[in-house]
Amino acid sequence: MSDRRKSPGKEEIEMDDLNKKPGGMSSVLDITDSEPTEEDEEFKSLRKKYYQVSKDIRMDAIEEEKKELGQSESSPKVKYYEGSKNDRIKLLDEIKRQMEELESISKGKK
């Protein structure tokens, strides 16, 4: 049997070759090496808040489902944002809008 790992007539591409070509791996690294901007930090903060509030909503839904099924309630969970479900959804929408604004600002600067 012949060795199938290397096709005859095809040259092997080394990782160094990829790094030297325009659009190769090194150009990706160049982009990510820049210092985080104030908008980046604010976006990260908003994203974290968004995920925490959406987690609260999911936890509430699970608790409601457990009550409907007659299962005992688990220990109370610490919630990031106290408020009604509608308040949380409004907060999520506001956070999402702010995140989109930051994205458009940062795209405009690049």
N, C-alpha and C. Protein backbone atom coordinates (compact mmCIF):
# COMPACT_ATOMS: atom_id res chain seq x y z
N MET A 1 0.83 -1.19 0.00
CA MET A 1 0.00 0.00 0.00
C MET A 1 0.87 1.25 0.00
N SER A 2 0.37 2.28 -0.64
CA SER A 2 1.13 3.53 -0.70
C SER A 2 0.76 4.40 0.50
N ASP A 3 1.65 5.32 0.79
CA ASP A 3 1.43 6.25 1.90
C ASP A 3 0.45 7.33 1.44
N ARG A 4 -0.74 7.39 2.07
CA ARG A 4 -1.79 8.32 1.63
C ARG A 4 -1.67 9.70 2.26
N ARG A 5 -0.79 9.87 3.20
CA ARG A 5 -0.69 11.16 3.88
C ARG A 5 -0.18 12.27 2.98
N LYS A 6 0.64 11.94 2.00
CA LYS A 6 1.17 12.97 1.11
C LYS A 6 0.80 12.63 -0.32
N SER A 7 0.05 13.51 -0.97
CA SER A 7 -0.34 13.28 -2.35
C SER A 7 0.84 13.61 -3.26
N PRO A 8 1.11 12.78 -4.25
CA PRO A 8 2.21 13.08 -5.16
C PRO A 8 1.91 14.33 -5.98
N GLY A 9 2.91 15.18 -6.15
CA GLY A 9 2.74 16.37 -6.96
C GLY A 9 2.22 17.57 -6.20
N LYS A 10 1.83 17.40 -4.95
CA LYS A 10 1.33 18.53 -4.16
C LYS A 10 2.38 18.90 -3.13
N GLU A 11 2.70 20.18 -3.07
CA GLU A 11 3.71 20.60 -2.10
C GLU A 11 3.05 20.79 -0.74
N GLU A 12 3.82 20.53 0.27
CA GLU A 12 3.32 20.73 1.62
C GLU A 12 3.40 22.21 1.97
N ILE A 13 2.39 22.70 2.66
CA ILE A 13 2.37 24.10 3.07
C ILE A 13 2.82 24.14 4.53
N GLU A 14 3.86 24.85 4.77
CA GLU A 14 4.37 25.00 6.13
C GLU A 14 3.65 26.17 6.80
N MET A 15 3.57 26.15 8.13
CA MET A 15 2.94 27.25 8.86
C MET A 15 3.69 28.56 8.61
N ASP A 16 5.01 28.50 8.46
CA ASP A 16 5.78 29.71 8.19
C ASP A 16 5.34 30.35 6.88
N ASP A 17 5.02 29.52 5.89
CA ASP A 17 4.56 30.05 4.60
C ASP A 17 3.25 30.81 4.78
N LEU A 18 2.35 30.28 5.60
CA LEU A 18 1.07 30.95 5.84
C LEU A 18 1.28 32.31 6.51
N ASN A 19 2.23 32.36 7.42
CA ASN A 19 2.48 33.61 8.14
C ASN A 19 3.06 34.69 7.25
N LYS A 20 3.77 34.31 6.21
CA LYS A 20 4.42 35.28 5.33
C LYS A 20 3.47 35.86 4.28
N LYS A 21 2.42 35.12 3.94
CA LYS A 21 1.50 35.57 2.89
C LYS A 21 0.58 36.66 3.42
N PRO A 22 0.20 37.62 2.56
CA PRO A 22 -0.77 38.64 2.99
C PRO A 22 -2.09 37.96 3.36
N GLY A 23 -2.65 38.34 4.47
CA GLY A 23 -3.90 37.74 4.91
C GLY A 23 -3.67 36.45 5.66
N GLY A 24 -2.42 36.09 5.88
CA GLY A 24 -2.09 34.87 6.62
C GLY A 24 -2.32 35.07 8.10
N MET A 25 -1.81 34.13 8.87
CA MET A 25 -2.04 34.15 10.31
C MET A 25 -1.46 35.40 10.98
N SER A 26 -0.33 35.88 10.52
CA SER A 26 0.31 37.02 11.19
C SER A 26 -0.54 38.28 11.08
N SER A 27 -1.28 38.45 9.98
CA SER A 27 -2.10 39.65 9.85
C SER A 27 -3.26 39.62 10.84
N VAL A 28 -3.75 38.43 11.18
CA VAL A 28 -4.80 38.31 12.18
C VAL A 28 -4.24 38.71 13.54
N LEU A 29 -3.03 38.28 13.82
CA LEU A 29 -2.41 38.62 15.10
C LEU A 29 -2.15 40.11 15.22
N ASP A 30 -1.80 40.76 14.12
CA ASP A 30 -1.54 42.20 14.15
C ASP A 30 -2.78 42.97 14.61
N ILE A 31 -3.94 42.54 14.19
CA ILE A 31 -5.18 43.23 14.52
C ILE A 31 -5.47 43.09 16.02
N THR A 32 -5.26 41.90 16.56
CA THR A 32 -5.63 41.64 17.95
C THR A 32 -4.60 42.15 18.94
N ASP A 33 -3.43 42.58 18.48
CA ASP A 33 -2.39 43.05 19.40
C ASP A 33 -2.62 44.48 19.87
N SER A 34 -3.59 45.19 19.30
CA SER A 34 -3.80 46.59 19.68
C SER A 34 -4.37 46.67 21.10
N GLU A 35 -4.12 47.80 21.74
CA GLU A 35 -4.62 48.03 23.10
C GLU A 35 -6.14 48.18 23.08
N PRO A 36 -6.84 47.64 24.09
CA PRO A 36 -8.29 47.82 24.13
C PRO A 36 -8.65 49.29 24.34
N THR A 37 -9.63 49.76 23.60
CA THR A 37 -10.05 51.15 23.71
C THR A 37 -11.11 51.28 24.80
N GLU A 38 -11.47 52.50 25.11
CA GLU A 38 -12.51 52.75 26.10
C GLU A 38 -13.84 52.13 25.65
N GLU A 39 -14.11 52.21 24.34
CA GLU A 39 -15.33 51.62 23.80
C GLU A 39 -15.31 50.10 23.96
N ASP A 40 -14.14 49.49 23.76
CA ASP A 40 -14.03 48.04 23.93
C ASP A 40 -14.35 47.64 25.36
N GLU A 41 -13.80 48.38 26.31
CA GLU A 41 -14.03 48.08 27.73
C GLU A 41 -15.51 48.28 28.08
N GLU A 42 -16.11 49.35 27.58
CA GLU A 42 -17.52 49.62 27.85
C GLU A 42 -18.39 48.53 27.23
N PHE A 43 -18.02 48.10 26.02
CA PHE A 43 -18.76 47.04 25.34
C PHE A 43 -18.68 45.75 26.14
N LYS A 44 -17.50 45.41 26.64
CA LYS A 44 -17.35 44.19 27.45
C LYS A 44 -18.22 44.27 28.70
N SER A 45 -18.24 45.44 29.32
CA SER A 45 -19.05 45.64 30.52
C SER A 45 -20.53 45.46 30.21
N LEU A 46 -20.98 46.07 29.11
CA LEU A 46 -22.39 45.94 28.71
C LEU A 46 -22.73 44.50 28.37
N ARG A 47 -21.81 43.82 27.66
CA ARG A 47 -22.06 42.43 27.28
C ARG A 47 -22.20 41.56 28.53
N LYS A 48 -21.34 41.80 29.52
CA LYS A 48 -21.41 41.03 30.77
C LYS A 48 -22.75 41.27 31.46
N LYS A 49 -23.16 42.52 31.54
CA LYS A 49 -24.43 42.87 32.17
C LYS A 49 -25.59 42.21 31.41
N TYR A 50 -25.52 42.24 30.07
CA TYR A 50 -26.55 41.64 29.23
C TYR A 50 -26.70 40.15 29.54
N TYR A 51 -25.57 39.44 29.61
CA TYR A 51 -25.63 38.01 29.88
C TYR A 51 -26.13 37.72 31.29
N GLN A 52 -25.77 38.56 32.25
CA GLN A 52 -26.23 38.34 33.61
C GLN A 52 -27.74 38.54 33.73
N VAL A 53 -28.26 39.58 33.10
CA VAL A 53 -29.70 39.84 33.16
C VAL A 53 -30.46 38.74 32.42
N SER A 54 -29.95 38.31 31.27
CA SER A 54 -30.64 37.24 30.54
C SER A 54 -30.58 35.93 31.33
N LYS A 55 -29.52 35.73 32.10
CA LYS A 55 -29.42 34.54 32.96
C LYS A 55 -30.50 34.61 34.04
N ASP A 56 -30.72 35.81 34.61
CA ASP A 56 -31.79 35.98 35.60
C ASP A 56 -33.14 35.58 35.02
N ILE A 57 -33.40 36.00 33.79
CA ILE A 57 -34.67 35.68 33.14
C ILE A 57 -34.81 34.17 32.96
N ARG A 58 -33.73 33.52 32.52
CA ARG A 58 -33.78 32.06 32.35
C ARG A 58 -33.99 31.36 33.69
N MET A 59 -33.32 31.83 34.75
CA MET A 59 -33.48 31.22 36.07
C MET A 59 -34.93 31.35 36.54
N ASP A 60 -35.54 32.51 36.32
CA ASP A 60 -36.94 32.69 36.70
C ASP A 60 -37.84 31.73 35.95
N ALA A 61 -37.57 31.55 34.66
CA ALA A 61 -38.39 30.64 33.85
C ALA A 61 -38.25 29.21 34.37
N ILE A 62 -37.06 28.82 34.75
CA ILE A 62 -36.84 27.46 35.29
C ILE A 62 -37.58 27.30 36.61
N GLU A 63 -37.52 28.31 37.47
CA GLU A 63 -38.23 28.26 38.75
C GLU A 63 -39.74 28.15 38.54
N GLU A 64 -40.28 28.92 37.57
CA GLU A 64 -41.71 28.85 37.28
C GLU A 64 -42.09 27.46 36.79
N GLU A 65 -41.26 26.89 35.94
CA GLU A 65 -41.53 25.56 35.41
C GLU A 65 -41.51 24.52 36.53
N LYS A 66 -40.58 24.65 37.45
CA LYS A 66 -40.51 23.72 38.58
C LYS A 66 -41.77 23.82 39.44
N LYS A 67 -42.25 25.05 39.64
CA LYS A 67 -43.47 25.25 40.43
C LYS A 67 -44.66 24.58 39.74
N GLU A 68 -44.75 24.75 38.41
CA GLU A 68 -45.85 24.16 37.65
C GLU A 68 -45.81 22.64 37.72
N LEU A 69 -44.62 22.07 37.74
CA LEU A 69 -44.48 20.62 37.79
C LEU A 69 -44.58 20.09 39.21
N GLY A 70 -44.70 20.98 40.19
CA GLY A 70 -44.86 20.56 41.57
C GLY A 70 -43.55 20.15 42.23
N GLN A 71 -42.45 20.47 41.61
CA GLN A 71 -41.16 20.14 42.21
C GLN A 71 -40.84 21.17 43.28
N SER A 72 -40.05 20.74 44.25
CA SER A 72 -39.69 21.67 45.32
C SER A 72 -38.74 22.73 44.77
N GLU A 73 -38.85 23.91 45.34
CA GLU A 73 -38.00 25.00 44.89
C GLU A 73 -36.57 24.75 45.33
N SER A 74 -35.65 25.09 44.47
CA SER A 74 -34.25 24.98 44.84
C SER A 74 -33.88 26.19 45.69
N SER A 75 -32.68 26.20 46.18
CA SER A 75 -32.26 27.33 47.00
C SER A 75 -32.34 28.61 46.17
N PRO A 76 -32.68 29.71 46.79
CA PRO A 76 -32.81 30.96 46.03
C PRO A 76 -31.48 31.36 45.40
N LYS A 77 -31.55 31.78 44.17
CA LYS A 77 -30.36 32.18 43.43
C LYS A 77 -30.14 33.69 43.60
N VAL A 78 -28.91 34.08 43.57
CA VAL A 78 -28.58 35.50 43.62
C VAL A 78 -28.86 36.08 42.25
N LYS A 79 -29.62 37.13 42.22
CA LYS A 79 -29.98 37.74 40.94
C LYS A 79 -29.18 39.00 40.74
N TYR A 80 -28.77 39.20 39.51
CA TYR A 80 -27.99 40.38 39.16
C TYR A 80 -28.87 41.63 39.20
N TYR A 81 -30.09 41.49 38.70
CA TYR A 81 -30.97 42.64 38.59
C TYR A 81 -32.34 42.25 39.13
N GLU A 82 -32.76 42.89 40.21
CA GLU A 82 -34.08 42.63 40.75
C GLU A 82 -35.10 43.45 39.97
N GLY A 83 -36.21 42.85 39.69
CA GLY A 83 -37.26 43.55 38.97
C GLY A 83 -38.15 42.54 38.28
N SER A 84 -39.22 43.03 37.69
CA SER A 84 -40.15 42.13 37.01
C SER A 84 -39.53 41.64 35.70
N LYS A 85 -40.15 40.63 35.14
CA LYS A 85 -39.66 40.08 33.87
C LYS A 85 -39.66 41.15 32.79
N ASN A 86 -40.72 41.94 32.74
CA ASN A 86 -40.80 43.01 31.73
C ASN A 86 -39.71 44.05 31.92
N ASP A 87 -39.41 44.39 33.20
CA ASP A 87 -38.32 45.34 33.46
C ASP A 87 -37.00 44.79 32.96
N ARG A 88 -36.78 43.50 33.18
CA ARG A 88 -35.53 42.89 32.73
C ARG A 88 -35.44 42.86 31.21
N ILE A 89 -36.54 42.57 30.56
CA ILE A 89 -36.54 42.54 29.09
C ILE A 89 -36.26 43.94 28.55
N LYS A 90 -36.86 44.96 29.17
CA LYS A 90 -36.58 46.34 28.75
C LYS A 90 -35.10 46.68 28.96
N LEU A 91 -34.55 46.22 30.09
CA LEU A 91 -33.13 46.47 30.36
C LEU A 91 -32.26 45.77 29.31
N LEU A 92 -32.62 44.54 28.95
CA LEU A 92 -31.87 43.83 27.91
C LEU A 92 -31.90 44.59 26.59
N ASP A 93 -33.07 45.09 26.23
CA ASP A 93 -33.20 45.86 24.99
C ASP A 93 -32.32 47.12 25.03
N GLU A 94 -32.31 47.80 26.18
CA GLU A 94 -31.50 49.00 26.32
C GLU A 94 -30.01 48.67 26.24
N ILE A 95 -29.60 47.60 26.90
CA ILE A 95 -28.19 47.20 26.85
C ILE A 95 -27.80 46.84 25.43
N LYS A 96 -28.67 46.10 24.75
CA LYS A 96 -28.39 45.70 23.37
C LYS A 96 -28.24 46.92 22.47
N ARG A 97 -29.10 47.91 22.66
CA ARG A 97 -29.03 49.13 21.87
C ARG A 97 -27.71 49.85 22.12
N GLN A 98 -27.31 49.94 23.39
CA GLN A 98 -26.04 50.59 23.73
C GLN A 98 -24.86 49.84 23.12
N MET A 99 -24.92 48.51 23.13
CA MET A 99 -23.85 47.70 22.54
C MET A 99 -23.76 47.95 21.04
N GLU A 100 -24.91 48.04 20.38
CA GLU A 100 -24.92 48.30 18.94
C GLU A 100 -24.36 49.69 18.63
N GLU A 101 -24.69 50.67 19.48
CA GLU A 101 -24.15 52.02 19.30
C GLU A 101 -22.62 52.00 19.40
N LEU A 102 -22.12 51.31 20.41
CA LEU A 102 -20.67 51.23 20.60
C LEU A 102 -20.00 50.54 19.42
N GLU A 103 -20.65 49.49 18.91
CA GLU A 103 -20.09 48.78 17.75
C GLU A 103 -20.00 49.71 16.55
N SER A 104 -21.07 50.48 16.31
CA SER A 104 -21.06 51.37 15.15
C SER A 104 -20.01 52.48 15.33
N ILE A 105 -19.83 52.95 16.55
CA ILE A 105 -18.80 53.97 16.81
C ILE A 105 -17.41 53.40 16.56
N SER A 106 -17.17 52.20 17.07
CA SER A 106 -15.84 51.61 16.90
C SER A 106 -15.57 51.25 15.44
N LYS A 107 -16.59 50.87 14.69
CA LYS A 107 -16.40 50.58 13.26
C LYS A 107 -16.10 51.86 12.50
N GLY A 108 -16.70 52.96 12.92
CA GLY A 108 -16.47 54.25 12.27
C GLY A 108 -15.05 54.75 12.47
N LYS A 109 -14.43 54.36 13.57
CA LYS A 109 -13.06 54.80 13.87
C LYS A 109 -12.02 54.00 13.11
N LYS A 110 -12.36 52.79 12.70
CA LYS A 110 -11.37 51.92 12.04
C LYS A 110 -11.20 52.23 10.60
